[in-house]
N, C-alpha and C. Protein backbone atom coordinates (compact mmCIF):
# COMPACT_ATOMS: atom_id res chain seq x y z
N MET A 1 109.32 -57.19 0.66
CA MET A 1 107.38 -57.53 1.12
C MET A 1 107.06 -56.88 2.00
N GLN A 2 106.06 -55.58 1.86
CA GLN A 2 105.68 -55.02 2.75
C GLN A 2 104.78 -55.54 3.65
N GLU A 3 103.41 -56.44 2.98
CA GLU A 3 102.24 -57.09 4.26
C GLU A 3 102.93 -58.73 4.29
N LEU A 4 101.99 -59.34 4.84
CA LEU A 4 102.22 -60.69 5.01
C LEU A 4 100.89 -61.17 3.64
N GLY A 5 101.08 -61.66 2.83
CA GLY A 5 99.51 -62.59 2.18
C GLY A 5 99.64 -63.90 1.76
N PHE A 6 98.46 -63.84 1.73
CA PHE A 6 98.41 -65.87 0.92
C PHE A 6 97.77 -65.50 -0.34
N ASN A 7 97.93 -66.37 -1.58
CA ASN A 7 97.17 -66.11 -2.24
C ASN A 7 97.93 -68.08 -3.67
N TYR A 8 97.04 -68.80 -2.56
CA TYR A 8 96.85 -70.21 -3.12
C TYR A 8 96.63 -70.19 -4.75
N ARG A 9 95.67 -69.91 -5.30
CA ARG A 9 94.76 -69.77 -6.30
C ARG A 9 95.15 -69.41 -7.54
N ALA A 10 95.26 -70.24 -8.63
CA ALA A 10 95.97 -69.86 -9.95
C ALA A 10 94.70 -69.49 -11.27
N PRO A 11 94.29 -68.55 -11.68
CA PRO A 11 93.50 -68.86 -12.46
C PRO A 11 93.84 -69.34 -13.90
N ASP A 12 92.54 -69.71 -14.02
CA ASP A 12 92.58 -70.82 -15.40
C ASP A 12 93.37 -70.22 -16.33
N PHE A 13 93.96 -69.06 -16.70
CA PHE A 13 94.41 -68.81 -18.04
C PHE A 13 96.19 -70.06 -17.51
N ALA A 14 96.75 -69.26 -16.04
CA ALA A 14 97.67 -69.70 -15.73
C ALA A 14 97.81 -71.14 -15.97
N CYS A 15 96.92 -72.14 -15.32
CA CYS A 15 96.78 -73.27 -15.45
C CYS A 15 96.82 -74.16 -16.72
N VAL A 16 96.01 -73.38 -18.01
CA VAL A 16 96.54 -74.27 -19.03
C VAL A 16 97.86 -73.47 -19.52
N LEU A 17 98.01 -72.54 -19.78
CA LEU A 17 99.95 -71.64 -19.76
C LEU A 17 100.73 -73.24 -19.09
N ALA A 18 100.47 -73.06 -18.10
CA ALA A 18 101.77 -73.68 -16.88
C ALA A 18 101.34 -75.37 -17.82
N HIS A 19 100.14 -76.01 -17.96
CA HIS A 19 100.26 -77.48 -19.14
C HIS A 19 100.96 -77.32 -20.07
N SER A 20 100.34 -76.53 -20.77
CA SER A 20 101.54 -76.14 -21.94
C SER A 20 102.53 -75.95 -22.71
N GLN A 21 103.19 -75.46 -21.08
CA GLN A 21 105.32 -75.54 -20.63
C GLN A 21 105.11 -76.93 -20.05
N LEU A 22 104.84 -77.63 -19.43
CA LEU A 22 105.51 -78.56 -18.87
C LEU A 22 105.70 -79.86 -20.20
N LYS A 23 105.15 -79.15 -20.97
CA LYS A 23 105.47 -80.39 -22.35
C LYS A 23 107.30 -79.85 -22.95
N LYS A 24 107.65 -79.13 -22.34
CA LYS A 24 108.55 -78.73 -23.16
C LYS A 24 109.87 -78.41 -22.29
N LEU A 25 109.14 -79.17 -20.71
CA LEU A 25 110.18 -79.14 -19.63
C LEU A 25 111.84 -79.83 -19.63
N PRO A 26 111.65 -81.04 -20.90
CA PRO A 26 113.10 -81.78 -21.14
C PRO A 26 113.64 -80.93 -21.68
N MET A 27 113.33 -79.79 -22.69
CA MET A 27 114.12 -79.69 -23.63
C MET A 27 114.92 -78.21 -22.93
N PHE A 28 113.56 -77.22 -21.83
CA PHE A 28 114.12 -76.10 -21.15
C PHE A 28 115.19 -76.80 -20.23
N ALA A 29 115.10 -78.16 -19.61
CA ALA A 29 115.99 -78.37 -18.80
C ALA A 29 117.50 -78.74 -19.01
N ARG A 30 117.11 -79.47 -20.38
CA ARG A 30 118.44 -80.11 -21.45
C ARG A 30 119.04 -78.43 -21.81
N ARG A 31 118.64 -77.55 -21.61
CA ARG A 31 118.80 -75.92 -22.84
C ARG A 31 119.59 -75.25 -21.39
N ARG A 32 118.73 -75.42 -20.66
CA ARG A 32 119.61 -74.50 -18.56
C ARG A 32 121.01 -75.79 -18.93
N ALA A 33 121.07 -76.70 -18.49
CA ALA A 33 122.05 -77.32 -18.57
C ALA A 33 123.15 -77.01 -19.19
N GLN A 34 123.34 -77.05 -20.84
CA GLN A 34 124.05 -76.81 -21.60
C GLN A 34 124.43 -74.84 -20.76
N LEU A 35 123.90 -73.96 -20.48
CA LEU A 35 124.16 -72.83 -20.75
C LEU A 35 124.74 -73.09 -19.38
N LYS A 36 124.60 -73.69 -18.05
CA LYS A 36 125.40 -73.75 -16.98
C LYS A 36 126.32 -73.99 -17.19
N GLU A 37 126.08 -75.07 -18.39
CA GLU A 37 128.02 -75.66 -18.46
C GLU A 37 128.63 -74.48 -19.11
N ILE A 38 128.52 -74.01 -19.88
CA ILE A 38 129.20 -71.85 -20.70
C ILE A 38 129.32 -72.01 -19.54
N TYR A 39 128.67 -71.57 -18.73
CA TYR A 39 129.00 -70.07 -18.07
C TYR A 39 130.30 -70.57 -16.66
N ASP A 40 129.90 -72.10 -15.74
CA ASP A 40 130.69 -72.77 -15.29
C ASP A 40 132.35 -72.39 -15.62
N ARG A 41 132.14 -73.14 -17.26
CA ARG A 41 133.65 -73.21 -18.03
C ARG A 41 133.95 -72.13 -17.39
N GLN A 42 133.09 -70.65 -18.70
CA GLN A 42 134.12 -69.49 -19.17
C GLN A 42 134.31 -68.66 -17.73
N PHE A 43 133.06 -68.99 -15.99
CA PHE A 43 133.69 -68.02 -15.25
C PHE A 43 134.84 -69.16 -13.88
N ARG A 44 135.05 -69.99 -14.26
CA ARG A 44 135.33 -70.81 -13.32
C ARG A 44 137.78 -69.95 -13.35
N ASP A 45 137.85 -69.12 -14.01
CA ASP A 45 138.57 -68.82 -13.92
C ASP A 45 139.12 -67.78 -13.84
N ILE A 46 138.06 -67.12 -12.81
CA ILE A 46 137.54 -65.57 -13.58
C ILE A 46 138.88 -65.04 -11.84
N GLY A 47 138.91 -65.35 -10.73
CA GLY A 47 139.99 -65.36 -9.61
C GLY A 47 139.26 -65.28 -8.33
N GLU A 48 139.30 -64.87 -7.01
CA GLU A 48 138.63 -64.74 -6.20
C GLU A 48 137.42 -63.87 -6.51
N LEU A 49 137.86 -62.63 -7.61
CA LEU A 49 136.61 -61.59 -6.62
C LEU A 49 135.47 -61.86 -7.34
N VAL A 50 135.30 -62.64 -8.16
CA VAL A 50 134.32 -63.06 -9.17
C VAL A 50 133.79 -64.95 -8.69
N LYS A 51 132.75 -65.68 -8.31
CA LYS A 51 133.04 -66.75 -8.66
C LYS A 51 131.00 -66.88 -8.77
N PRO A 52 130.86 -67.56 -9.51
CA PRO A 52 129.86 -68.62 -10.16
C PRO A 52 129.66 -69.61 -8.70
N LEU A 53 128.19 -69.38 -8.72
CA LEU A 53 127.64 -70.38 -7.27
C LEU A 53 127.79 -72.07 -7.77
N LEU A 54 128.63 -72.43 -8.27
CA LEU A 54 128.81 -73.73 -8.76
C LEU A 54 127.94 -74.80 -7.68
N ILE A 55 127.13 -75.86 -7.63
CA ILE A 55 126.52 -76.72 -7.67
C ILE A 55 126.91 -78.20 -8.07
N GLU A 56 127.17 -78.39 -6.89
CA GLU A 56 128.03 -80.07 -6.73
C GLU A 56 126.34 -80.87 -6.32
N ALA A 57 125.91 -81.90 -7.55
CA ALA A 57 124.46 -82.41 -7.04
C ALA A 57 124.58 -83.95 -6.86
N CYS A 58 123.91 -84.18 -6.90
CA CYS A 58 124.26 -85.86 -6.67
C CYS A 58 122.99 -86.44 -7.80
N ALA A 59 122.03 -85.11 -8.17
CA ALA A 59 121.31 -84.32 -8.80
C ALA A 59 121.02 -84.11 -10.23
N GLU A 60 119.75 -84.04 -10.61
CA GLU A 60 120.66 -83.05 -11.99
C GLU A 60 118.89 -81.80 -11.87
N PRO A 61 119.90 -81.00 -10.73
CA PRO A 61 119.12 -80.15 -11.32
C PRO A 61 118.63 -78.95 -11.74
N VAL A 62 117.81 -77.83 -12.14
CA VAL A 62 117.27 -77.22 -13.36
C VAL A 62 117.03 -76.09 -12.70
N LEU A 63 118.28 -75.47 -12.89
CA LEU A 63 118.43 -73.95 -12.45
C LEU A 63 117.93 -73.17 -12.29
N HIS A 64 116.88 -72.23 -11.27
CA HIS A 64 116.18 -70.82 -12.52
C HIS A 64 116.77 -69.94 -12.94
N LEU A 65 118.18 -69.81 -12.07
CA LEU A 65 118.28 -68.38 -11.90
C LEU A 65 120.52 -69.27 -12.14
N TYR A 66 121.07 -67.66 -12.11
CA TYR A 66 122.46 -68.34 -12.73
C TYR A 66 123.38 -67.11 -11.88
N PRO A 67 122.88 -67.22 -10.16
CA PRO A 67 124.07 -66.41 -10.27
C PRO A 67 125.46 -65.98 -10.03
N LEU A 68 126.37 -65.42 -10.02
CA LEU A 68 127.78 -64.68 -10.01
C LEU A 68 127.94 -64.02 -8.22
N LEU A 69 128.76 -65.09 -7.80
CA LEU A 69 129.11 -64.39 -6.16
C LEU A 69 130.32 -63.05 -6.19
N ILE A 70 130.18 -61.85 -6.76
CA ILE A 70 131.15 -60.54 -6.90
C ILE A 70 131.24 -59.54 -5.66
N ASP A 71 132.67 -59.87 -5.45
CA ASP A 71 132.77 -59.17 -3.96
C ASP A 71 133.13 -57.70 -4.79
N PHE A 72 131.89 -57.04 -4.34
CA PHE A 72 132.41 -54.99 -5.15
C PHE A 72 132.68 -54.76 -4.37
N ALA A 73 133.22 -55.12 -3.19
CA ALA A 73 133.82 -53.75 -2.23
C ALA A 73 135.50 -53.84 -2.34
N ALA A 74 135.75 -54.93 -3.12
CA ALA A 74 137.43 -55.90 -3.25
C ALA A 74 137.38 -55.46 -4.49
N LEU A 75 136.65 -54.63 -5.85
CA LEU A 75 136.36 -53.81 -6.99
C LEU A 75 137.00 -52.54 -6.93
N GLY A 76 136.22 -52.34 -5.82
CA GLY A 76 136.07 -51.29 -5.95
C GLY A 76 134.63 -50.68 -6.50
N ARG A 77 133.80 -51.29 -6.37
CA ARG A 77 132.61 -50.85 -7.84
C ARG A 77 131.23 -51.08 -6.57
N GLU A 78 130.58 -50.99 -7.32
CA GLU A 78 128.94 -50.16 -6.78
C GLU A 78 128.49 -51.74 -7.48
N ARG A 79 127.38 -52.51 -7.01
CA ARG A 79 126.17 -53.29 -7.95
C ARG A 79 125.57 -52.52 -8.25
N ALA A 80 125.23 -51.53 -7.79
CA ALA A 80 123.81 -50.83 -9.12
C ALA A 80 124.49 -50.15 -10.12
N ARG A 81 126.06 -50.13 -9.79
CA ARG A 81 126.73 -48.77 -11.12
C ARG A 81 127.10 -50.04 -12.09
N VAL A 82 127.77 -51.56 -11.44
CA VAL A 82 127.50 -52.41 -12.67
C VAL A 82 126.80 -52.82 -12.96
N MET A 83 125.42 -52.79 -12.88
CA MET A 83 124.14 -53.41 -13.66
C MET A 83 123.64 -52.37 -14.72
N ALA A 84 123.91 -51.13 -14.21
CA ALA A 84 123.92 -50.35 -14.87
C ALA A 84 124.78 -49.90 -16.59
N ASP A 85 126.23 -50.56 -16.04
CA ASP A 85 126.97 -50.50 -16.73
C ASP A 85 126.51 -52.17 -17.75
N LEU A 86 126.20 -52.76 -17.69
CA LEU A 86 125.39 -53.90 -17.87
C LEU A 86 124.46 -53.53 -19.20
N ARG A 87 123.89 -52.96 -17.91
CA ARG A 87 122.29 -53.23 -18.87
C ARG A 87 122.72 -52.12 -20.16
N GLU A 88 123.32 -51.06 -20.03
CA GLU A 88 123.62 -50.25 -21.11
C GLU A 88 125.20 -51.06 -22.50
N LEU A 89 125.31 -51.76 -21.70
CA LEU A 89 125.53 -53.26 -22.83
C LEU A 89 124.08 -54.26 -23.39
N GLY A 90 123.18 -53.62 -23.28
CA GLY A 90 121.93 -54.25 -23.50
C GLY A 90 121.88 -55.69 -22.85
N ILE A 91 122.45 -56.64 -21.54
CA ILE A 91 122.25 -57.11 -20.24
C ILE A 91 122.17 -56.91 -19.11
N GLY A 92 120.59 -57.93 -19.22
CA GLY A 92 120.03 -56.79 -18.18
C GLY A 92 120.47 -58.55 -16.48
N THR A 93 120.12 -57.70 -15.75
CA THR A 93 121.12 -58.63 -14.87
C THR A 93 119.89 -58.25 -13.05
N GLN A 94 119.68 -59.04 -12.46
CA GLN A 94 118.94 -58.53 -11.37
C GLN A 94 120.07 -59.15 -10.29
N VAL A 95 118.75 -58.49 -9.08
CA VAL A 95 119.94 -59.35 -7.28
C VAL A 95 118.51 -60.18 -7.16
N HIS A 96 118.94 -61.19 -6.55
CA HIS A 96 117.67 -62.22 -5.92
C HIS A 96 118.77 -63.20 -4.78
N TYR A 97 118.25 -63.05 -3.65
CA TYR A 97 116.29 -62.62 -3.13
C TYR A 97 117.03 -61.05 -2.33
N ILE A 98 116.42 -60.43 -2.17
CA ILE A 98 116.49 -59.50 -0.71
C ILE A 98 116.52 -61.15 0.69
N PRO A 99 117.41 -60.83 1.45
CA PRO A 99 116.94 -62.49 2.88
C PRO A 99 115.56 -61.97 2.95
N ILE A 100 114.96 -62.85 4.28
CA ILE A 100 113.92 -62.64 4.44
C ILE A 100 113.81 -62.03 6.02
N HIS A 101 115.27 -61.73 6.30
CA HIS A 101 114.52 -61.31 7.47
C HIS A 101 115.54 -59.49 7.68
N ARG A 102 115.78 -59.30 6.00
CA ARG A 102 115.48 -57.54 6.00
C ARG A 102 114.61 -57.14 5.32
N GLN A 103 113.06 -57.83 4.61
CA GLN A 103 112.69 -57.83 4.29
C GLN A 103 111.84 -56.80 5.20
N PRO A 104 111.10 -55.63 4.21
CA PRO A 104 110.40 -54.72 4.92
C PRO A 104 109.16 -55.20 6.68
N TYR A 105 108.74 -56.42 6.71
CA TYR A 105 107.09 -56.55 6.64
C TYR A 105 107.78 -57.36 8.34
N TYR A 106 108.59 -58.39 7.99
CA TYR A 106 110.14 -59.02 9.26
C TYR A 106 110.95 -57.78 10.05
N VAL A 107 111.35 -57.13 9.04
CA VAL A 107 111.47 -56.27 10.28
C VAL A 107 111.01 -55.91 11.19
N GLU A 108 109.04 -55.48 10.98
CA GLU A 108 109.64 -54.65 11.49
C GLU A 108 108.37 -55.18 12.51
N HIS A 109 107.87 -56.39 12.26
CA HIS A 109 107.26 -57.72 13.04
C HIS A 109 107.61 -58.67 13.58
N SER A 110 109.47 -58.09 13.50
CA SER A 110 110.04 -59.73 13.84
C SER A 110 111.32 -59.00 14.75
N ARG A 111 111.91 -59.73 15.82
CA ARG A 111 112.90 -59.50 16.79
C ARG A 111 114.40 -59.48 15.86
N VAL A 112 115.24 -58.75 16.16
CA VAL A 112 115.65 -58.69 14.94
C VAL A 112 116.90 -59.41 15.35
N VAL A 113 117.27 -59.66 13.89
CA VAL A 113 118.34 -61.69 13.59
C VAL A 113 119.42 -61.13 12.95
N ASP A 114 120.29 -62.37 12.97
CA ASP A 114 121.46 -61.65 12.90
C ASP A 114 122.48 -62.95 11.86
N LEU A 115 122.21 -62.95 10.92
CA LEU A 115 122.40 -64.14 9.95
C LEU A 115 123.50 -63.22 8.60
N PRO A 116 124.70 -63.51 8.99
CA PRO A 116 125.66 -63.24 8.20
C PRO A 116 125.87 -63.68 7.04
N GLY A 117 125.74 -64.95 6.91
CA GLY A 117 126.03 -66.05 5.75
C GLY A 117 125.00 -65.00 4.65
N ALA A 118 124.12 -64.82 5.30
CA ALA A 118 122.72 -64.44 4.10
C ALA A 118 123.12 -63.19 4.24
N ASP A 119 123.28 -62.32 4.40
CA ASP A 119 123.60 -60.86 3.77
C ASP A 119 124.73 -60.80 3.14
N SER A 120 125.65 -61.75 3.47
CA SER A 120 126.75 -61.80 2.72
C SER A 120 126.64 -61.67 1.41
N TYR A 121 126.10 -63.09 1.19
CA TYR A 121 125.53 -63.63 -0.30
C TYR A 121 124.70 -62.76 -0.61
N TYR A 122 123.66 -62.19 -0.16
CA TYR A 122 123.10 -60.76 -0.35
C TYR A 122 123.56 -59.66 -1.00
N GLU A 123 125.43 -59.60 -0.63
CA GLU A 123 125.64 -58.20 -1.14
C GLU A 123 126.95 -59.20 -2.19
N LYS A 124 127.09 -60.05 -2.25
CA LYS A 124 127.63 -60.29 -3.79
C LYS A 124 126.80 -60.79 -4.60
N ALA A 125 125.76 -60.77 -4.56
CA ALA A 125 124.99 -61.51 -5.59
C ALA A 125 124.30 -61.31 -6.86
N LEU A 126 124.52 -61.85 -7.85
CA LEU A 126 123.88 -60.81 -9.14
C LEU A 126 123.66 -61.28 -10.46
N SER A 127 122.22 -62.28 -10.41
CA SER A 127 122.55 -63.35 -11.72
C SER A 127 122.69 -62.18 -12.49
N ILE A 128 122.98 -62.39 -13.84
CA ILE A 128 123.41 -62.89 -15.18
C ILE A 128 121.72 -63.66 -15.84
N PRO A 129 121.80 -62.90 -17.11
CA PRO A 129 120.73 -63.64 -17.82
C PRO A 129 120.88 -65.18 -18.20
N TYR A 130 120.06 -65.92 -18.70
CA TYR A 130 120.18 -68.34 -17.91
C TYR A 130 118.51 -68.10 -18.20
N TYR A 131 118.25 -68.03 -19.65
CA TYR A 131 116.72 -68.82 -20.28
C TYR A 131 117.04 -69.92 -21.11
N PRO A 132 115.70 -70.65 -21.33
CA PRO A 132 115.77 -71.22 -22.50
C PRO A 132 116.67 -71.56 -23.77
N LEU A 133 116.10 -69.96 -24.47
CA LEU A 133 116.42 -69.25 -25.90
C LEU A 133 117.65 -68.89 -25.53
N MET A 134 118.43 -68.22 -24.90
CA MET A 134 119.49 -68.00 -25.20
C MET A 134 120.66 -69.20 -26.27
N THR A 135 121.33 -68.22 -26.81
CA THR A 135 122.15 -69.15 -27.94
C THR A 135 123.17 -68.96 -27.10
N ASP A 136 124.37 -69.16 -27.55
CA ASP A 136 125.73 -70.66 -26.89
C ASP A 136 126.15 -68.71 -27.23
N GLN A 137 126.11 -68.13 -28.46
CA GLN A 137 126.59 -66.97 -28.08
C GLN A 137 126.24 -65.73 -27.84
N ASP A 138 125.39 -65.78 -26.98
CA ASP A 138 124.03 -65.25 -25.93
C ASP A 138 125.28 -65.12 -24.73
N ALA A 139 125.29 -66.41 -24.43
CA ALA A 139 125.69 -67.34 -23.13
C ALA A 139 127.52 -65.94 -22.87
N GLU A 140 127.87 -65.87 -24.27
CA GLU A 140 129.46 -65.76 -24.51
C GLU A 140 129.72 -64.05 -24.59
N ARG A 141 128.45 -63.58 -25.04
CA ARG A 141 128.29 -62.14 -24.80
C ARG A 141 128.39 -61.53 -23.96
N VAL A 142 127.85 -62.24 -22.97
CA VAL A 142 126.84 -62.26 -21.05
C VAL A 142 128.60 -62.04 -20.57
N VAL A 143 129.39 -62.93 -21.00
CA VAL A 143 130.83 -63.51 -20.48
C VAL A 143 131.78 -62.51 -20.46
N ARG A 144 132.21 -62.37 -21.60
CA ARG A 144 132.76 -61.21 -22.55
C ARG A 144 132.04 -59.92 -21.13
N ALA A 145 130.90 -59.40 -21.75
CA ALA A 145 130.17 -58.15 -20.71
C ALA A 145 130.68 -57.80 -19.37
N VAL A 146 130.23 -59.24 -18.90
CA VAL A 146 130.73 -59.34 -17.28
C VAL A 146 132.16 -58.84 -17.21
N ARG A 147 133.05 -59.39 -18.51
CA ARG A 147 134.31 -59.67 -17.43
C ARG A 147 134.85 -57.88 -17.68
N GLY A 148 134.22 -57.38 -18.84
CA GLY A 148 134.73 -56.05 -19.45
C GLY A 148 133.87 -54.86 -17.94
N VAL A 149 132.53 -55.18 -18.28
CA VAL A 149 132.98 -54.06 -17.47
C VAL A 149 133.52 -54.21 -15.71
N LEU A 150 133.39 -55.33 -15.29
CA LEU A 150 134.08 -55.72 -13.79
C LEU A 150 136.02 -55.50 -14.17
N GLY A 151 136.57 -55.29 -15.53
CA GLY A 151 137.89 -54.93 -15.59
C GLY A 151 138.31 -56.51 -15.36
N ILE A 152 138.03 -56.99 -16.06
CA ILE A 152 138.38 -58.62 -15.61
C ILE A 152 138.80 -59.28 -17.51
N ASN A 153 140.16 -59.54 -17.35
CA ASN A 153 140.76 -59.72 -18.48
C ASN A 153 140.45 -61.64 -19.02
N SER A 154 139.78 -61.67 -20.19
CA SER A 154 139.59 -62.60 -20.38
C SER A 154 140.86 -63.93 -20.20
């Protein structure tokens, strides 16, 4: 974030799209829950250096991301290299999100803040594919690719 800004208006086409997508929300929620179960089960035993972000909730959250927390330093791997290796296998990944206190705007306009928890999370976070149109086989392929790239046997 380079500049502070606000834009609270949604254009008409975005509202129409949102309205049509809301009809699909129950299906999206069910499918994401199924994918979460696959990932949780497949990554549960992967070891201390790679952990799924397991969420214990009293409700039924519909997650929009599935981040893994990977100790890249302990594995002797750079996150950018892991992402590139996964991309070569057709697996797109993302880093969500740069902590607010590290955003350029806030670095320039705020006092220095030490938030070691946020920094530690950011250093380890890697979001793997997680969307309702994924098949079970897609999710299992992602798991195999992550394990292979990180050198962790199944």
